Amino acid sequence: MSSGADPPCNSWQIDSFLSSEDALSRHILEGRMPAAISCVTIPVEDLQKSIAFYRDGLGLTIEEQDEEHAALDLDGVFLVLLERGEFGTYVERVGHRPAARGAAETIISYFTDSKGEVDAVMAQAQKAGAQIVAASDEDGVYSGYFTDPDGHTWEVLFDGD
């Protein structure tokens, strides 16, 4: 992928949505954008290290990869790992500056079916090299938080309500 190209998820995820005539016409007729997220793109310092964390450590499948990005499947939503410099090119196009490394602007949440699953995912993340940063069990919500190798925060939770 080179600077000036379309964002990494456009080429395959958005095209598949647009090829679905029923979904597209339903949203056009209703006058609203599609109620779905196609991908989440996060900047990474070391693409190979991040790929190893998500693929080998957390078990995600790589759907597409080149020297500047990798797209991993999160059950229909894609997590795109994009080298920090290339990520900056995209956000600068729309007049923004890339956030400083370590600045939190997003929490990526993963809902589970049990407290045991929260514990299992947190243990898997820690074994893969994640930093465990917090845990909580209040108001019926059992959760844990970890950061990936680039400091992106993930929340793993079970809402018992």
Foldseek 3Di string as FASTA:
>chain_A
DDQPDDPPQPVPQVVVQVVPVVQVVVCVVVVHDRPDAAEDEDEDADAVLQCCLCCVLVNWDWPDDDPAWTWTDPPRHTYIYGHPVSVQSVVVVVPDGDDDQQDADDEAEDEDADLVVQVVNVVSNVVSPWAWDDWDCPPQKTWTWTAHPRNHIYIYIYRRD
